[in-house]
């Protein structure tokens, strides 16, 4: 009895679609946060309790805008590399690896970045959500480079 295993391209694209979905969740999370519980404002207020509401809103919007921008760039990267992997282009493995390195570095920065009165500029929930696509990226490049 012979078992058939999904080819590396199909396995890799499954991980890539998972990364794309996780990136979409991480991108939308700060926007949904502002529209609902507004924990981002509470995060800013905790660091700067004496700031007026306008400054808190500006800083909250800057954090949310940064996270949304990173998410949009990540989404573009996933879509571009998914296309390359599906077409089995020569550049898809190095491009996927470079984008993984960029995404993982950004995720680590978001998890550890401090400044001003912030213990962490990016709230832990949003930093963690933003790091999840890097796990899918690691799985992707492992499959692409191992070829299994």
N, C-alpha and C. Protein backbone atom coordinates (compact mmCIF):
# COMPACT_ATOMS: atom_id res chain seq x y z
N UNK A 1 0.84 -1.17 0.00
CA UNK A 1 0.00 0.00 0.00
C UNK A 1 0.89 1.24 0.00
N UNK A 2 0.65 2.11 -0.93
CA UNK A 2 1.46 3.31 -1.06
C UNK A 2 0.67 4.51 -0.55
N UNK A 3 1.32 5.30 0.30
CA UNK A 3 0.66 6.51 0.78
C UNK A 3 1.10 7.67 -0.09
N UNK A 4 0.17 8.50 -0.39
CA UNK A 4 0.50 9.68 -1.19
C UNK A 4 0.56 10.88 -0.27
N UNK A 5 1.59 11.65 -0.46
CA UNK A 5 1.80 12.83 0.36
C UNK A 5 1.63 14.05 -0.54
N UNK A 6 1.07 15.09 0.03
CA UNK A 6 0.89 16.32 -0.75
C UNK A 6 2.24 16.84 -1.20
N UNK A 7 2.34 17.28 -2.45
CA UNK A 7 3.62 17.82 -2.92
C UNK A 7 3.99 19.07 -2.13
N UNK A 8 5.30 19.41 -2.11
CA UNK A 8 5.74 20.57 -1.32
C UNK A 8 5.00 21.85 -1.67
N UNK A 9 4.68 22.04 -2.94
CA UNK A 9 3.98 23.27 -3.33
C UNK A 9 2.63 23.35 -2.66
N UNK A 10 1.89 22.28 -2.63
CA UNK A 10 0.56 22.30 -2.01
C UNK A 10 0.67 22.46 -0.50
N UNK A 11 1.63 21.76 0.12
CA UNK A 11 1.83 21.91 1.56
C UNK A 11 2.22 23.34 1.90
N UNK A 12 3.13 23.88 1.13
CA UNK A 12 3.60 25.24 1.39
C UNK A 12 2.45 26.24 1.25
N UNK A 13 1.65 26.09 0.20
CA UNK A 13 0.55 27.05 0.02
C UNK A 13 -0.49 26.92 1.11
N UNK A 14 -0.67 25.74 1.67
CA UNK A 14 -1.59 25.61 2.82
C UNK A 14 -1.10 26.44 3.99
N UNK A 15 0.20 26.32 4.29
CA UNK A 15 0.77 27.13 5.37
C UNK A 15 0.69 28.62 5.03
N UNK A 16 0.88 28.94 3.75
CA UNK A 16 0.84 30.34 3.34
C UNK A 16 -0.57 30.93 3.48
N UNK A 17 -1.57 30.16 3.13
CA UNK A 17 -2.94 30.64 3.31
C UNK A 17 -3.28 30.79 4.79
N UNK A 18 -2.74 29.91 5.62
CA UNK A 18 -2.92 30.07 7.07
C UNK A 18 -2.25 31.36 7.54
N UNK A 19 -1.05 31.62 7.04
CA UNK A 19 -0.36 32.87 7.38
C UNK A 19 -1.12 34.09 6.90
N UNK A 20 -1.69 33.99 5.72
CA UNK A 20 -2.50 35.09 5.18
C UNK A 20 -3.71 35.34 6.08
N UNK A 21 -4.38 34.27 6.50
CA UNK A 21 -5.55 34.43 7.39
C UNK A 21 -5.14 35.02 8.74
N UNK A 22 -4.02 34.56 9.29
CA UNK A 22 -3.55 35.10 10.56
C UNK A 22 -3.16 36.57 10.42
N UNK A 23 -2.58 36.92 9.29
CA UNK A 23 -2.24 38.32 9.02
C UNK A 23 -3.49 39.18 8.93
N UNK A 24 -4.52 38.67 8.27
CA UNK A 24 -5.79 39.41 8.18
C UNK A 24 -6.38 39.64 9.57
N UNK A 25 -6.33 38.63 10.41
CA UNK A 25 -6.85 38.77 11.78
C UNK A 25 -6.05 39.82 12.54
N UNK A 26 -4.72 39.74 12.44
CA UNK A 26 -3.86 40.70 13.14
C UNK A 26 -4.05 42.11 12.60
N UNK A 27 -4.37 42.24 11.33
CA UNK A 27 -4.58 43.56 10.72
C UNK A 27 -5.90 44.17 11.18
N UNK A 28 -6.92 43.36 11.25
CA UNK A 28 -8.25 43.86 11.63
C UNK A 28 -8.42 44.05 13.13
N UNK A 29 -7.66 43.33 13.93
CA UNK A 29 -7.83 43.35 15.39
C UNK A 29 -7.74 44.77 15.99
N UNK A 30 -6.73 45.58 15.65
CA UNK A 30 -6.69 46.92 16.26
C UNK A 30 -7.86 47.81 15.81
N UNK A 31 -8.31 47.61 14.59
CA UNK A 31 -9.43 48.41 14.10
C UNK A 31 -10.73 48.00 14.79
N UNK A 32 -10.91 46.69 14.97
CA UNK A 32 -12.08 46.21 15.71
C UNK A 32 -12.00 46.62 17.17
N UNK A 33 -10.80 46.63 17.71
CA UNK A 33 -10.60 47.06 19.09
C UNK A 33 -11.09 48.49 19.29
N UNK A 34 -10.69 49.38 18.39
CA UNK A 34 -11.10 50.78 18.48
C UNK A 34 -12.61 50.91 18.36
N UNK A 35 -13.21 50.13 17.49
CA UNK A 35 -14.65 50.22 17.27
C UNK A 35 -15.47 49.60 18.41
N UNK A 36 -14.84 48.78 19.24
CA UNK A 36 -15.60 48.09 20.29
C UNK A 36 -15.10 48.48 21.68
N UNK A 37 -14.16 47.75 22.23
CA UNK A 37 -13.74 47.94 23.63
C UNK A 37 -12.70 49.04 23.81
N UNK A 38 -12.01 49.42 22.77
CA UNK A 38 -10.99 50.46 22.77
C UNK A 38 -9.91 50.23 23.83
N UNK A 39 -9.39 49.01 23.86
CA UNK A 39 -8.30 48.69 24.78
C UNK A 39 -7.02 49.44 24.41
N UNK A 40 -6.90 49.85 23.16
CA UNK A 40 -5.72 50.63 22.76
C UNK A 40 -5.68 51.97 23.49
N UNK A 41 -6.83 52.61 23.63
CA UNK A 41 -6.86 53.87 24.39
C UNK A 41 -6.51 53.64 25.84
N UNK A 42 -7.00 52.54 26.40
CA UNK A 42 -6.67 52.22 27.79
C UNK A 42 -5.17 51.96 27.93
N UNK A 43 -4.56 51.35 26.93
CA UNK A 43 -3.13 51.09 26.94
C UNK A 43 -2.35 52.41 26.96
N UNK A 44 -2.77 53.34 26.12
CA UNK A 44 -2.10 54.65 26.08
C UNK A 44 -2.35 55.39 27.40
N UNK A 45 -3.57 55.37 27.89
CA UNK A 45 -3.91 56.06 29.13
C UNK A 45 -3.14 55.51 30.32
N UNK A 46 -2.88 54.21 30.30
CA UNK A 46 -2.09 53.59 31.37
C UNK A 46 -0.66 54.14 31.39
N UNK A 47 -0.10 54.32 30.20
CA UNK A 47 1.27 54.85 30.10
C UNK A 47 1.31 56.34 30.39
N UNK A 48 0.29 57.06 29.97
CA UNK A 48 0.26 58.52 30.10
C UNK A 48 -1.06 58.96 30.74
N UNK A 49 -1.21 58.76 32.04
CA UNK A 49 -2.49 59.05 32.69
C UNK A 49 -2.87 60.53 32.69
N UNK A 50 -1.93 61.42 32.53
CA UNK A 50 -2.23 62.86 32.58
C UNK A 50 -2.50 63.47 31.21
N UNK A 51 -2.42 62.67 30.17
CA UNK A 51 -2.64 63.21 28.84
C UNK A 51 -4.12 63.52 28.63
N UNK A 52 -4.39 64.59 27.86
CA UNK A 52 -5.80 64.85 27.51
C UNK A 52 -6.30 63.83 26.48
N UNK A 53 -7.60 63.76 26.33
CA UNK A 53 -8.24 62.77 25.44
C UNK A 53 -7.73 62.88 24.01
N UNK A 54 -7.45 64.10 23.55
CA UNK A 54 -6.98 64.27 22.15
C UNK A 54 -5.64 63.60 21.92
N UNK A 55 -4.71 63.76 22.88
CA UNK A 55 -3.40 63.13 22.73
C UNK A 55 -3.49 61.61 22.83
N UNK A 56 -4.34 61.13 23.71
CA UNK A 56 -4.55 59.69 23.83
C UNK A 56 -5.08 59.13 22.51
N UNK A 57 -6.06 59.82 21.93
CA UNK A 57 -6.63 59.37 20.66
C UNK A 57 -5.59 59.40 19.54
N UNK A 58 -4.75 60.43 19.53
CA UNK A 58 -3.71 60.51 18.50
C UNK A 58 -2.71 59.36 18.62
N UNK A 59 -2.28 59.07 19.84
CA UNK A 59 -1.32 57.98 20.03
C UNK A 59 -1.97 56.63 19.72
N UNK A 60 -3.20 56.45 20.15
CA UNK A 60 -3.93 55.22 19.84
C UNK A 60 -4.03 55.03 18.33
N UNK A 61 -4.38 56.10 17.63
CA UNK A 61 -4.51 56.02 16.18
C UNK A 61 -3.17 55.74 15.51
N UNK A 62 -2.09 56.28 16.07
CA UNK A 62 -0.76 56.01 15.51
C UNK A 62 -0.40 54.53 15.66
N UNK A 63 -0.69 53.96 16.82
CA UNK A 63 -0.40 52.53 17.04
C UNK A 63 -1.26 51.68 16.10
N UNK A 64 -2.55 51.99 16.04
CA UNK A 64 -3.46 51.22 15.17
C UNK A 64 -3.08 51.38 13.70
N UNK A 65 -2.72 52.58 13.30
CA UNK A 65 -2.30 52.81 11.91
C UNK A 65 -1.04 52.05 11.56
N UNK A 66 -0.10 52.05 12.49
CA UNK A 66 1.14 51.28 12.28
C UNK A 66 0.83 49.80 12.11
N UNK A 67 0.01 49.25 13.02
CA UNK A 67 -0.33 47.82 12.94
C UNK A 67 -1.10 47.49 11.66
N UNK A 68 -1.99 48.37 11.25
CA UNK A 68 -2.75 48.14 10.02
C UNK A 68 -1.82 48.20 8.80
N UNK A 69 -0.88 49.13 8.80
CA UNK A 69 0.07 49.24 7.70
C UNK A 69 0.94 48.00 7.59
N UNK A 70 1.45 47.54 8.74
CA UNK A 70 2.24 46.30 8.75
C UNK A 70 1.41 45.14 8.22
N UNK A 71 0.14 45.09 8.62
CA UNK A 71 -0.75 44.02 8.16
C UNK A 71 -1.00 44.06 6.67
N UNK A 72 -1.19 45.25 6.12
CA UNK A 72 -1.42 45.38 4.68
C UNK A 72 -0.17 44.97 3.90
N UNK A 73 1.00 45.39 4.39
CA UNK A 73 2.24 44.98 3.74
C UNK A 73 2.45 43.47 3.84
N UNK A 74 2.13 42.90 4.99
CA UNK A 74 2.22 41.45 5.15
C UNK A 74 1.28 40.71 4.23
N UNK A 75 0.06 41.22 4.09
CA UNK A 75 -0.91 40.62 3.18
C UNK A 75 -0.40 40.63 1.75
N UNK A 76 0.15 41.75 1.34
CA UNK A 76 0.72 41.85 -0.01
C UNK A 76 1.85 40.84 -0.20
N UNK A 77 2.70 40.71 0.82
CA UNK A 77 3.80 39.74 0.75
C UNK A 77 3.31 38.31 0.63
N UNK A 78 2.29 37.96 1.43
CA UNK A 78 1.73 36.61 1.34
C UNK A 78 1.15 36.36 -0.05
N UNK A 79 0.37 37.30 -0.57
CA UNK A 79 -0.27 37.10 -1.88
C UNK A 79 0.77 36.96 -2.99
N UNK A 80 1.81 37.78 -2.93
CA UNK A 80 2.86 37.74 -3.95
C UNK A 80 3.60 36.40 -3.91
N UNK A 81 3.97 35.97 -2.70
CA UNK A 81 4.73 34.72 -2.62
C UNK A 81 3.85 33.49 -2.86
N UNK A 82 2.58 33.55 -2.49
CA UNK A 82 1.67 32.44 -2.83
C UNK A 82 1.63 32.26 -4.34
N UNK A 83 1.52 33.36 -5.03
CA UNK A 83 1.48 33.29 -6.50
C UNK A 83 2.77 32.68 -7.05
N UNK A 84 3.91 33.12 -6.51
CA UNK A 84 5.19 32.58 -6.96
C UNK A 84 5.35 31.10 -6.66
N UNK A 85 4.91 30.68 -5.48
CA UNK A 85 5.03 29.26 -5.12
C UNK A 85 4.12 28.41 -5.98
N UNK A 86 2.91 28.88 -6.20
CA UNK A 86 1.98 28.11 -7.05
C UNK A 86 2.52 27.94 -8.46
N UNK A 87 3.20 28.98 -8.97
CA UNK A 87 3.76 28.90 -10.32
C UNK A 87 5.14 28.26 -10.32
N UNK A 88 5.63 27.91 -9.13
CA UNK A 88 6.94 27.29 -8.95
C UNK A 88 8.06 28.11 -9.59
N UNK A 89 8.04 29.40 -9.32
CA UNK A 89 9.07 30.28 -9.85
C UNK A 89 10.39 30.09 -9.10
N UNK A 90 11.47 30.47 -9.75
CA UNK A 90 12.80 30.34 -9.13
C UNK A 90 12.96 31.26 -7.94
N UNK A 91 12.29 32.40 -7.96
CA UNK A 91 12.47 33.39 -6.90
C UNK A 91 11.60 33.14 -5.68
N UNK A 92 10.68 32.19 -5.73
CA UNK A 92 9.71 32.04 -4.64
C UNK A 92 10.35 31.61 -3.32
N UNK A 93 11.33 30.73 -3.35
CA UNK A 93 11.96 30.31 -2.09
C UNK A 93 12.78 31.43 -1.46
N UNK A 94 13.67 32.08 -2.21
CA UNK A 94 14.41 33.17 -1.56
C UNK A 94 13.51 34.34 -1.15
N UNK A 95 12.49 34.63 -1.95
CA UNK A 95 11.58 35.73 -1.59
C UNK A 95 10.79 35.37 -0.34
N UNK A 96 10.32 34.15 -0.26
CA UNK A 96 9.59 33.70 0.93
C UNK A 96 10.47 33.77 2.17
N UNK A 97 11.72 33.38 2.01
CA UNK A 97 12.66 33.41 3.13
C UNK A 97 12.94 34.83 3.57
N UNK A 98 13.15 35.72 2.61
CA UNK A 98 13.41 37.13 2.95
C UNK A 98 12.21 37.77 3.64
N UNK A 99 11.01 37.48 3.13
CA UNK A 99 9.82 38.05 3.75
C UNK A 99 9.55 37.44 5.13
N UNK A 100 9.89 36.16 5.31
CA UNK A 100 9.79 35.56 6.64
C UNK A 100 10.72 36.28 7.59
N UNK A 101 11.97 36.50 7.18
CA UNK A 101 12.93 37.17 8.05
C UNK A 101 12.45 38.57 8.41
N UNK A 102 11.92 39.27 7.44
CA UNK A 102 11.39 40.62 7.69
C UNK A 102 10.20 40.58 8.64
N UNK A 103 9.29 39.64 8.41
CA UNK A 103 8.11 39.52 9.27
C UNK A 103 8.46 39.09 10.68
N UNK A 104 9.36 38.13 10.81
CA UNK A 104 9.76 37.66 12.14
C UNK A 104 10.49 38.76 12.91
N UNK A 105 11.34 39.52 12.22
CA UNK A 105 12.03 40.63 12.87
C UNK A 105 11.05 41.69 13.33
N UNK A 106 10.08 42.01 12.49
CA UNK A 106 9.05 42.98 12.86
C UNK A 106 8.24 42.48 14.05
N UNK A 107 7.89 41.20 14.04
CA UNK A 107 7.13 40.61 15.15
C UNK A 107 7.92 40.69 16.46
N UNK A 108 9.21 40.38 16.40
CA UNK A 108 10.04 40.47 17.60
C UNK A 108 10.16 41.91 18.08
N UNK A 109 10.29 42.83 17.16
CA UNK A 109 10.35 44.24 17.54
C UNK A 109 9.05 44.66 18.22
N UNK A 110 7.91 44.26 17.65
CA UNK A 110 6.62 44.63 18.23
C UNK A 110 6.43 44.02 19.62
N UNK A 111 6.98 42.85 19.84
CA UNK A 111 6.86 42.21 21.15
C UNK A 111 7.74 42.87 22.21
N UNK A 112 8.80 43.53 21.80
CA UNK A 112 9.79 44.03 22.77
C UNK A 112 9.98 45.54 22.77
N UNK A 113 9.41 46.26 21.83
CA UNK A 113 9.66 47.70 21.70
C UNK A 113 9.14 48.48 22.89
N UNK A 114 10.03 49.23 23.51
CA UNK A 114 9.64 50.11 24.60
C UNK A 114 9.96 51.53 24.19
N UNK A 115 9.37 52.48 24.89
CA UNK A 115 9.64 53.87 24.59
C UNK A 115 8.81 54.78 25.46
N UNK A 116 9.37 55.93 25.81
CA UNK A 116 8.63 56.85 26.66
C UNK A 116 8.23 56.17 27.95
N UNK A 117 6.99 56.29 28.29
CA UNK A 117 6.46 55.68 29.51
C UNK A 117 5.89 54.28 29.26
N UNK A 118 5.96 53.81 28.04
CA UNK A 118 5.43 52.49 27.70
C UNK A 118 6.37 51.39 28.17
N UNK A 119 5.80 50.38 28.84
CA UNK A 119 6.57 49.17 29.11
C UNK A 119 6.76 48.45 27.77
N UNK A 120 5.71 48.41 26.95
CA UNK A 120 5.74 47.94 25.57
C UNK A 120 4.82 48.86 24.77
N UNK A 121 5.33 49.39 23.69
CA UNK A 121 4.53 50.32 22.88
C UNK A 121 3.33 49.60 22.29
N UNK A 122 3.56 48.40 21.76
CA UNK A 122 2.45 47.63 21.18
C UNK A 122 1.87 46.77 22.30
N UNK A 123 0.56 46.86 22.54
CA UNK A 123 -0.04 46.03 23.59
C UNK A 123 0.22 44.54 23.35
N UNK A 124 0.39 43.76 24.42
CA UNK A 124 0.74 42.34 24.27
C UNK A 124 -0.20 41.55 23.36
N UNK A 125 -1.50 41.79 23.46
CA UNK A 125 -2.44 41.05 22.61
C UNK A 125 -2.15 41.29 21.13
N UNK A 126 -1.98 42.54 20.76
CA UNK A 126 -1.74 42.87 19.35
C UNK A 126 -0.36 42.42 18.89
N UNK A 127 0.63 42.51 19.78
CA UNK A 127 1.97 42.03 19.42
C UNK A 127 1.96 40.51 19.21
N UNK A 128 1.23 39.81 20.06
CA UNK A 128 1.15 38.35 19.92
C UNK A 128 0.40 37.96 18.65
N UNK A 129 -0.73 38.61 18.39
CA UNK A 129 -1.47 38.34 17.15
C UNK A 129 -0.59 38.59 15.93
N UNK A 130 0.21 39.65 15.99
CA UNK A 130 1.09 39.97 14.88
C UNK A 130 2.24 39.00 14.71
N UNK A 131 2.57 38.26 15.76
CA UNK A 131 3.66 37.29 15.68
C UNK A 131 3.20 35.94 15.12
N UNK A 132 1.92 35.65 15.20
CA UNK A 132 1.42 34.34 14.75
C UNK A 132 1.70 34.05 13.28
N UNK A 133 1.58 35.02 12.36
CA UNK A 133 1.90 34.71 10.96
C UNK A 133 3.35 34.25 10.76
N UNK A 134 4.25 34.65 11.64
CA UNK A 134 5.64 34.22 11.50
C UNK A 134 5.78 32.72 11.70
N UNK A 135 4.90 32.13 12.51
CA UNK A 135 4.93 30.67 12.69
C UNK A 135 4.56 29.98 11.38
N UNK A 136 3.53 30.50 10.73
CA UNK A 136 3.16 29.96 9.41
C UNK A 136 4.28 30.19 8.39
N UNK A 137 4.96 31.32 8.51
CA UNK A 137 6.08 31.61 7.61
C UNK A 137 7.23 30.64 7.82
N UNK A 138 7.52 30.31 9.06
CA UNK A 138 8.57 29.34 9.34
C UNK A 138 8.21 27.97 8.78
N UNK A 139 6.97 27.56 8.97
CA UNK A 139 6.52 26.28 8.41
C UNK A 139 6.63 26.29 6.89
N UNK A 140 6.26 27.42 6.29
CA UNK A 140 6.32 27.56 4.83
C UNK A 140 7.73 27.39 4.30
N UNK A 141 8.67 28.14 4.86
CA UNK A 141 10.02 28.07 4.31
C UNK A 141 10.67 26.72 4.62
N UNK A 142 10.29 26.10 5.71
CA UNK A 142 10.81 24.76 6.01
C UNK A 142 10.38 23.79 4.93
N UNK A 143 9.11 23.83 4.57
CA UNK A 143 8.59 22.93 3.51
C UNK A 143 9.24 23.28 2.17
N UNK A 144 9.34 24.55 1.86
CA UNK A 144 9.90 24.95 0.57
C UNK A 144 11.37 24.52 0.42
N UNK A 145 12.15 24.69 1.46
CA UNK A 145 13.58 24.37 1.35
C UNK A 145 13.86 22.89 1.51
N UNK A 146 13.04 22.18 2.27
CA UNK A 146 13.24 20.73 2.42
C UNK A 146 12.70 19.99 1.22
N UNK A 147 11.68 20.57 0.58
CA UNK A 147 11.11 19.93 -0.60
C UNK A 147 10.28 18.71 -0.29
N UNK A 148 9.75 18.64 0.95
CA UNK A 148 8.93 17.48 1.32
C UNK A 148 7.57 17.93 1.78
